[in-house]
PDB file of N, CA and C in Angstrom:
ATOM      1  N   MET A   1      87.238  63.191  82.169  1.00  0.00           N
ATOM      2  CA  MET A   1      86.206  62.838  81.388  1.00  0.00           C
ATOM      3  C   MET A   1      86.453  62.012  80.587  1.00  0.00           C
ATOM      4  N   PRO A   2      85.529  60.650  80.839  1.00  0.00           N
ATOM      5  CA  PRO A   2      85.954  59.099  79.977  1.00  0.00           C
ATOM      6  C   PRO A   2      86.546  59.518  78.398  1.00  0.00           C
ATOM      7  N   LEU A   3      87.257  58.476  78.135  1.00  0.00           N
ATOM      8  CA  LEU A   3      87.825  58.458  76.799  1.00  0.00           C
ATOM      9  C   LEU A   3      86.244  58.244  75.612  1.00  0.00           C
ATOM     10  N   ALA A   4      85.583  57.078  76.123  1.00  0.00           N
ATOM     11  CA  ALA A   4      84.507  56.963  75.530  1.00  0.00           C
ATOM     12  C   ALA A   4      83.342  58.313  75.231  1.00  0.00           C
ATOM     13  N   VAL A   5      82.856  59.146  76.183  1.00  0.00           N
ATOM     14  CA  VAL A   5      82.642  60.057  76.614  1.00  0.00           C
ATOM     15  C   VAL A   5      82.924  61.240  75.490  1.00  0.00           C
ATOM     16  N   ALA A   6      84.290  61.469  75.521  1.00  0.00           N
ATOM     17  CA  ALA A   6      84.837  62.412  74.739  1.00  0.00           C
ATOM     18  C   ALA A   6      85.172  62.097  73.493  1.00  0.00           C
ATOM     19  N   GLN A   7      84.837  60.628  72.850  1.00  0.00           N
ATOM     20  CA  GLN A   7      85.127  60.296  71.370  1.00  0.00           C
ATOM     21  C   GLN A   7      83.557  60.633  70.980  1.00  0.00           C
ATOM     22  N   ALA A   8      82.807  60.439  71.696  1.00  0.00           N
ATOM     23  CA  ALA A   8      81.020  60.314  71.385  1.00  0.00           C
ATOM     24  C   ALA A   8      80.825  62.192  71.193  1.00  0.00           C
ATOM     25  N   ILE A   9      81.532  62.760  71.803  1.00  0.00           N
ATOM     26  CA  ILE A   9      81.118  64.420  71.543  1.00  0.00           C
ATOM     27  C   ILE A   9      81.398  65.165  70.537  1.00  0.00           C
ATOM     28  N   THR A  10      82.683  64.405  70.142  1.00  0.00           N
ATOM     29  CA  THR A  10      83.599  64.718  68.543  1.00  0.00           C
ATOM     30  C   THR A  10      83.040  65.026  67.654  1.00  0.00           C
ATOM     31  N   GLN A  11      82.139  63.398  67.997  1.00  0.00           N
ATOM     32  CA  GLN A  11      80.619  63.356  66.706  1.00  0.00           C
ATOM     33  C   GLN A  11      79.623  63.581  66.600  1.00  0.00           C
ATOM     34  N   LEU A  12      79.370  64.167  67.508  1.00  0.00           N
ATOM     35  CA  LEU A  12      78.110  65.374  67.566  1.00  0.00           C
ATOM     36  C   LEU A  12      77.812  66.651  67.037  1.00  0.00           C
ATOM     37  N   PRO A  13      76.936  66.627  66.060  1.00  0.00           N
ATOM     38  CA  PRO A  13      76.970  68.162  65.928  1.00  0.00           C
ATOM     39  C   PRO A  13      76.231  68.976  67.052  1.00  0.00           C
ATOM     40  N   ALA A  14      76.006  70.599  67.135  1.00  0.00           N
ATOM     41  CA  ALA A  14      75.244  70.963  68.207  1.00  0.00           C
ATOM     42  C   ALA A  14      73.808  71.075  68.657  1.00  0.00           C
ATOM     43  N   GLY A  15      73.389  70.638  69.505  1.00  0.00           N
ATOM     44  CA  GLY A  15      72.422  70.279  69.489  1.00  0.00           C
ATOM     45  C   GLY A  15      71.888  68.620  69.087  1.00  0.00           C
ATOM     46  N   GLY A  16      72.566  68.167  69.407  1.00  0.00           N
ATOM     47  CA  GLY A  16      72.680  66.399  69.085  1.00  0.00           C
ATOM     48  C   GLY A  16      72.887  65.925  70.538  1.00  0.00           C
ATOM     49  N   VAL A  17      72.156  64.415  70.432  1.00  0.00           N
ATOM     50  CA  VAL A  17      72.135  63.890  71.469  1.00  0.00           C
ATOM     51  C   VAL A  17      72.325  62.022  71.066  1.00  0.00           C
ATOM     52  N   THR A  18      73.234  61.568  71.806  1.00  0.00           N
ATOM     53  CA  THR A  18      74.312  60.203  71.232  1.00  0.00           C
ATOM     54  C   THR A  18      72.955  59.229  71.705  1.00  0.00           C
ATOM     55  N   PRO A  19      72.844  58.093  70.213  1.00  0.00           N
ATOM     56  CA  PRO A  19      71.733  57.816  70.160  1.00  0.00           C
ATOM     57  C   PRO A  19      71.546  56.592  70.731  1.00  0.00           C
ATOM     58  N   VAL A  20      72.801  55.837  71.401  1.00  0.00           N
ATOM     59  CA  VAL A  20      72.953  54.642  73.037  1.00  0.00           C
ATOM     60  C   VAL A  20      73.398  55.466  73.739  1.00  0.00           C
ATOM     61  N   ALA A  21      73.518  54.413  75.158  1.00  0.00           N
ATOM     62  CA  ALA A  21      74.228  54.764  75.890  1.00  0.00           C
ATOM     63  C   ALA A  21      75.435  54.454  75.773  1.00  0.00           C
ATOM     64  N   ILE A  22      76.344  55.048  76.724  1.00  0.00           N
ATOM     65  CA  ILE A  22      77.496  55.180  76.040  1.00  0.00           C
ATOM     66  C   ILE A  22      78.511  54.425  77.774  1.00  0.00           C
ATOM     67  N   ALA A  23      79.204  53.385  77.810  1.00  0.00           N
ATOM     68  CA  ALA A  23      79.647  53.459  79.105  1.00  0.00           C
ATOM     69  C   ALA A  23      81.241  53.844  79.662  1.00  0.00           C
ATOM     70  N   THR A  24      80.715  54.166  80.859  1.00  0.00           N
ATOM     71  CA  THR A  24      81.964  55.389  81.572  1.00  0.00           C
ATOM     72  C   THR A  24      82.689  54.749  81.706  1.00  0.00           C
ATOM     73  N   GLY A  25      83.278  53.100  82.003  1.00  0.00           N
ATOM     74  CA  GLY A  25      83.958  52.430  83.040  1.00  0.00           C
ATOM     75  C   GLY A  25      83.801  50.894  82.184  1.00  0.00           C
ATOM     76  N   ASP A  26      84.636  50.009  83.114  1.00  0.00           N
ATOM     77  CA  ASP A  26      84.687  48.786  82.757  1.00  0.00           C
ATOM     78  C   ASP A  26      83.869  47.638  83.429  1.00  0.00           C
ATOM     79  N   GLY A  27      83.525  46.967  83.524  1.00  0.00           N
ATOM     80  CA  GLY A  27      83.059  46.078  84.642  1.00  0.00           C
ATOM     81  C   GLY A  27      81.329  45.711  84.523  1.00  0.00           C
ATOM     82  N   ASN A  28      80.849  45.194  84.915  1.00  0.00           N
ATOM     83  CA  ASN A  28      79.301  45.293  85.494  1.00  0.00           C
ATOM     84  C   ASN A  28      78.497  46.680  86.214  1.00  0.00           C
ATOM     85  N   ASN A  29      80.202  47.571  87.348  1.00  0.00           N
ATOM     86  CA  ASN A  29      79.977  48.505  87.488  1.00  0.00           C
ATOM     87  C   ASN A  29      79.950  49.924  87.083  1.00  0.00           C
ATOM     88  N   ALA A  30      79.868  49.739  85.500  1.00  0.00           N
ATOM     89  CA  ALA A  30      80.008  50.713  84.981  1.00  0.00           C
ATOM     90  C   ALA A  30      79.139  51.246  84.242  1.00  0.00           C
ATOM     91  N   MET A  31      78.731  52.983  84.754  1.00  0.00           N
ATOM     92  CA  MET A  31      77.791  53.817  84.345  1.00  0.00           C
ATOM     93  C   MET A  31      77.514  53.632  82.967  1.00  0.00           C
ATOM     94  N   ARG A  32      76.856  54.152  82.884  1.00  0.00           N
ATOM     95  CA  ARG A  32      76.047  54.324  81.589  1.00  0.00           C
ATOM     96  C   ARG A  32      75.222  55.833  81.378  1.00  0.00           C
ATOM     97  N   VAL A  33      75.816  56.217  79.788  1.00  0.00           N
ATOM     98  CA  VAL A  33      75.784  57.281  80.003  1.00  0.00           C
ATOM     99  C   VAL A  33      75.103  58.301  78.593  1.00  0.00           C
ATOM    100  N   ILE A  34      73.981  58.913  78.660  1.00  0.00           N
ATOM    101  CA  ILE A  34      73.559  60.059  76.964  1.00  0.00           C
ATOM    102  C   ILE A  34      73.533  61.041  77.542  1.00  0.00           C
ATOM    103  N   VAL A  35      74.050  61.263  76.216  1.00  0.00           N
ATOM    104  CA  VAL A  35      75.518  63.122  76.067  1.00  0.00           C
ATOM    105  C   VAL A  35      74.911  63.488  75.175  1.00  0.00           C
ATOM    106  N   LYS A  36      74.057  64.937  75.521  1.00  0.00           N
ATOM    107  CA  LYS A  36      73.864  65.907  74.704  1.00  0.00           C
ATOM    108  C   LYS A  36      74.523  67.356  74.388  1.00  0.00           C
ATOM    109  N   LEU A  37      75.111  67.652  73.095  1.00  0.00           N
ATOM    110  CA  LEU A  37      75.740  68.624  73.416  1.00  0.00           C
ATOM    111  C   LEU A  37      75.403  69.854  72.848  1.00  0.00           C
ATOM    112  N   ASP A  38      75.385  71.084  73.629  1.00  0.00           N
ATOM    113  CA  ASP A  38      74.301  72.153  73.486  1.00  0.00           C
ATOM    114  C   ASP A  38      75.351  72.774  71.980  1.00  0.00           C
ATOM    115  N   ALA A  39      76.318  72.986  72.503  1.00  0.00           N
ATOM    116  CA  ALA A  39      77.523  73.777  71.672  1.00  0.00           C
ATOM    117  C   ALA A  39      78.728  73.876  71.606  1.00  0.00           C
ATOM    118  N   LYS A  40      78.809  74.017  70.299  1.00  0.00           N
ATOM    119  CA  LYS A  40      80.874  73.627  70.006  1.00  0.00           C
ATOM    120  C   LYS A  40      81.198  74.916  69.613  1.00  0.00           C
ATOM    121  N   ARG A  41      82.370  75.430  70.098  1.00  0.00           N
ATOM    122  CA  ARG A  41      83.333  76.624  70.280  1.00  0.00           C
ATOM    123  C   ARG A  41      84.631  76.153  70.034  1.00  0.00           C
ATOM    124  N   PRO A  42      85.162  76.940  69.488  1.00  0.00           N
ATOM    125  CA  PRO A  42      86.602  76.611  68.727  1.00  0.00           C
ATOM    126  C   PRO A  42      87.403  76.521  69.996  1.00  0.00           C
ATOM    127  N   THR A  43      88.676  75.816  69.880  1.00  0.00           N
ATOM    128  CA  THR A  43      89.634  75.680  71.216  1.00  0.00           C
ATOM    129  C   THR A  43      90.300  76.994  71.390  1.00  0.00           C
ATOM    130  N   GLN A  44      90.537  77.750  72.520  1.00  0.00           N
ATOM    131  CA  GLN A  44      91.349  78.819  72.922  1.00  0.00           C
ATOM    132  C   GLN A  44      92.571  78.491  73.239  1.00  0.00           C
ATOM    133  N   VAL A  45      93.436  78.282  73.102  1.00  0.00           N
ATOM    134  CA  VAL A  45      94.955  78.270  73.917  1.00  0.00           C
ATOM    135  C   VAL A  45      95.598  78.916  74.089  1.00  0.00           C
ATOM    136  N   PRO A  46      95.947  79.510  75.148  1.00  0.00           N
ATOM    137  CA  PRO A  46      96.666  80.989  75.355  1.00  0.00           C
ATOM    138  C   PRO A  46      98.129  80.599  74.993  1.00  0.00           C
ATOM    139  N   SER A  47      98.384  81.896  74.601  1.00  0.00           N
ATOM    140  CA  SER A  47     100.206  81.607  74.134  1.00  0.00           C
ATOM    141  C   SER A  47     101.170  81.752  75.348  1.00  0.00           C
ATOM    142  N   PHE A  48     102.237  81.370  74.944  1.00  0.00           N
ATOM    143  CA  PHE A  48     103.313  81.149  76.206  1.00  0.00           C
ATOM    144  C   PHE A  48     103.769  82.406  76.956  1.00  0.00           C
ATOM    145  N   ASP A  49     103.255  83.197  76.462  1.00  0.00           N
ATOM    146  CA  ASP A  49     103.596  84.983  77.314  1.00  0.00           C
ATOM    147  C   ASP A  49     102.693  84.670  78.328  1.00  0.00           C
ATOM    148  N   GLN A  50     100.912  84.393  77.614  1.00  0.00           N
ATOM    149  CA  GLN A  50      99.851  84.742  78.908  1.00  0.00           C
ATOM    150  C   GLN A  50     100.118  83.455  79.549  1.00  0.00           C
ATOM    151  N   ALA A  51     100.574  82.318  79.668  1.00  0.00           N
ATOM    152  CA  ALA A  51     100.432  81.494  80.441  1.00  0.00           C
ATOM    153  C   ALA A  51     101.720  81.270  81.587  1.00  0.00           C
ATOM    154  N   LYS A  52     102.671  82.129  81.284  1.00  0.00           N
ATOM    155  CA  LYS A  52     103.910  81.575  81.884  1.00  0.00           C
ATOM    156  C   LYS A  52     103.925  82.104  83.434  1.00  0.00           C
ATOM    157  N   ASP A  53     102.922  83.014  83.577  1.00  0.00           N
ATOM    158  CA  ASP A  53     103.531  83.846  84.744  1.00  0.00           C
ATOM    159  C   ASP A  53     102.481  82.530  85.658  1.00  0.00           C
ATOM    160  N   THR A  54     101.707  82.170  85.219  1.00  0.00           N
ATOM    161  CA  THR A  54     100.666  80.935  86.048  1.00  0.00           C
ATOM    162  C   THR A  54     101.586  79.781  86.162  1.00  0.00           C
ATOM    163  N   ILE A  55     101.960  79.125  84.853  1.00  0.00           N
ATOM    164  CA  ILE A  55     102.961  78.077  85.179  1.00  0.00           C
ATOM    165  C   ILE A  55     104.356  77.963  86.034  1.00  0.00           C
ATOM    166  N   ARG A  56     104.683  79.320  86.074  1.00  0.00           N
ATOM    167  CA  ARG A  56     105.663  79.544  87.288  1.00  0.00           C
ATOM    168  C   ARG A  56     104.822  79.527  88.599  1.00  0.00           C
ATOM    169  N   LEU A  57     104.404  80.377  88.645  1.00  0.00           N
ATOM    170  CA  LEU A  57     103.202  80.281  89.982  1.00  0.00           C
ATOM    171  C   LEU A  57     103.011  78.462  90.482  1.00  0.00           C
ATOM    172  N   GLN A  58     102.512  77.551  89.527  1.00  0.00           N
ATOM    173  CA  GLN A  58     102.293  76.315  89.570  1.00  0.00           C
ATOM    174  C   GLN A  58     103.738  75.732  90.352  1.00  0.00           C
ATOM    175  N   LEU A  59     104.396  76.006  89.461  1.00  0.00           N
ATOM    176  CA  LEU A  59     105.988  75.108  89.429  1.00  0.00           C
ATOM    177  C   LEU A  59     106.535  75.467  90.914  1.00  0.00           C
ATOM    178  N   GLN A  60     106.248  76.643  91.585  1.00  0.00           N
ATOM    179  CA  GLN A  60     106.777  77.422  92.697  1.00  0.00           C
ATOM    180  C   GLN A  60     106.091  76.672  93.685  1.00  0.00           C
ATOM    181  N   ALA A  61     104.373  76.995  93.772  1.00  0.00           N
ATOM    182  CA  ALA A  61     104.403  76.201  94.775  1.00  0.00           C
ATOM    183  C   ALA A  61     104.203  74.542  95.212  1.00  0.00           C
ATOM    184  N   LEU A  62     104.357  73.753  93.196  1.00  0.00           N
ATOM    185  CA  LEU A  62     105.343  72.459  93.651  1.00  0.00           C
ATOM    186  C   LEU A  62     106.644  72.467  94.484  1.00  0.00           C
ATOM    187  N   ALA A  63     107.294  72.750  93.948  1.00  0.00           N
ATOM    188  CA  ALA A  63     108.378  73.339  94.658  1.00  0.00           C
ATOM    189  C   ALA A  63     108.497  72.854  96.169  1.00  0.00           C
ATOM    190  N   LEU A  64     108.011  74.201  96.526  1.00  0.00           N
ATOM    191  CA  LEU A  64     107.795  74.382  98.039  1.00  0.00           C
ATOM    192  C   LEU A  64     106.676  72.907  98.839  1.00  0.00           C
ATOM    193  N   GLU A  65     106.167  72.863  97.813  1.00  0.00           N
ATOM    194  CA  GLU A  65     105.311  71.364  98.473  1.00  0.00           C
ATOM    195  C   GLU A  65     106.081  69.994  98.371  1.00  0.00           C
ATOM    196  N   LYS A  66     107.050  69.988  97.605  1.00  0.00           N
ATOM    197  CA  LYS A  66     108.212  69.157  97.760  1.00  0.00           C
ATOM    198  C   LYS A  66     109.219  69.290  98.906  1.00  0.00           C
ATOM    199  N   ALA A  67     109.560  70.372  98.572  1.00  0.00           N
ATOM    200  CA  ALA A  67     110.713  70.622  99.938  1.00  0.00           C
ATOM    201  C   ALA A  67     110.485  70.305 100.848  1.00  0.00           C
ATOM    202  N   ALA A  68     108.854  71.284 101.383  1.00  0.00           N
ATOM    203  CA  ALA A  68     108.436  71.016 102.402  1.00  0.00           C
ATOM    204  C   ALA A  68     107.908  69.595 102.847  1.00  0.00           C
ATOM    205  N   ALA A  69     107.584  68.548 102.303  1.00  0.00           N
ATOM    206  CA  ALA A  69     107.562  67.361 102.327  1.00  0.00           C
ATOM    207  C   ALA A  69     108.891  66.541 102.913  1.00  0.00           C
ATOM    208  N   GLN A  70     109.879  67.246 101.787  1.00  0.00           N
ATOM    209  CA  GLN A  70     111.530  66.401 102.374  1.00  0.00           C
ATOM    210  C   GLN A  70     112.062  66.755 103.489  1.00  0.00           C
ATOM    211  N   PHE A  71     112.027  67.885 103.795  1.00  0.00           N
ATOM    212  CA  PHE A  71     112.701  68.812 105.172  1.00  0.00           C
ATOM    213  C   PHE A  71     111.890  68.283 106.307  1.00  0.00           C
ATOM    214  N   THR A  72     110.481  67.987 106.406  1.00  0.00           N
ATOM    215  CA  THR A  72     109.639  66.281 107.402  1.00  0.00           C
ATOM    216  C   THR A  72     110.077  65.921 107.506  1.00  0.00           C
ATOM    217  N   GLY A  73     110.067  65.323 105.811  1.00  0.00           N
ATOM    218  CA  GLY A  73     110.674  63.533 106.283  1.00  0.00           C
ATOM    219  C   GLY A  73     112.200  63.254 106.860  1.00  0.00           C
ATOM    220  N   GLU A  74     112.825  64.140 106.732  1.00  0.00           N
ATOM    221  CA  GLU A  74     114.427  64.236 107.345  1.00  0.00           C
ATOM    222  C   GLU A  74     114.294  64.805 108.694  1.00  0.00           C
ATOM    223  N   LEU A  75     113.133  65.602 109.367  1.00  0.00           N
ATOM    224  CA  LEU A  75     112.820  66.170 110.225  1.00  0.00           C
ATOM    225  C   LEU A  75     112.441  64.249 111.106  1.00  0.00           C
ATOM    226  N   MET A  76     111.531  63.597 110.084  1.00  0.00           N
ATOM    227  CA  MET A  76     111.181  62.643 111.402  1.00  0.00           C
ATOM    228  C   MET A  76     112.036  61.365 111.441  1.00  0.00           C
ATOM    229  N   LYS A  77     112.376  61.315 110.105  1.00  0.00           N
ATOM    230  CA  LYS A  77     113.551  60.104 110.135  1.00  0.00           C
ATOM    231  C   LYS A  77     114.617  60.322 111.425  1.00  0.00           C
ATOM    232  N   HIS A  78     115.288  61.683 111.694  1.00  0.00           N
ATOM    233  CA  HIS A  78     115.847  62.043 112.992  1.00  0.00           C
ATOM    234  C   HIS A  78     115.875  62.143 114.215  1.00  0.00           C
ATOM    235  N   ALA A  79     114.253  62.036 114.367  1.00  0.00           N
ATOM    236  CA  ALA A  79     113.540  62.318 115.437  1.00  0.00           C
ATOM    237  C   ALA A  79     113.704  61.247 116.663  1.00  0.00           C
ATOM    238  N   THR A  80     113.932  61.649 117.903  1.00  0.00           N
ATOM    239  CA  THR A  80     113.809  60.356 118.391  1.00  0.00           C
ATOM    240  C   THR A  80     112.285  61.019 120.081  1.00  0.00           C
ATOM    241  N   ILE A  81     110.994  59.887 120.237  1.00  0.00           N
ATOM    242  CA  ILE A  81     110.148  60.265 120.584  1.00  0.00           C
ATOM    243  C   ILE A  81     110.893  59.681 122.267  1.00  0.00           C
ATOM    244  N   GLN A  82     110.339  61.280 123.021  1.00  0.00           N
ATOM    245  CA  GLN A  82     110.404  60.230 124.519  1.00  0.00           C
ATOM    246  C   GLN A  82     108.855  60.340 125.201  1.00  0.00           C
ATOM    247  N   GLN A  83     108.505  59.748 126.043  1.00  0.00           N
ATOM    248  CA  GLN A  83     107.251  59.314 126.584  1.00  0.00           C
ATOM    249  C   GLN A  83     107.853  60.210 128.454  1.00  0.00           C
TER     250      GLN A  83
END
């Protein structure tokens, strides 16, 4: 979400609409948006105990992906191509 939109949302009451269009980028190609906030609810941040299994799985997947890329890179570096 563009920073300008996030900042506008924090200022709106529930059901509010931005009074002017918000630029979502730089330059002539920037899109302009009008935002309507339907409702607000409190942020729910999970405790570490609730999130640790998900974090562990994500870190394991990332480590596996990195190891596979490194292994493949090493194989390619030492490969000889024959036709």
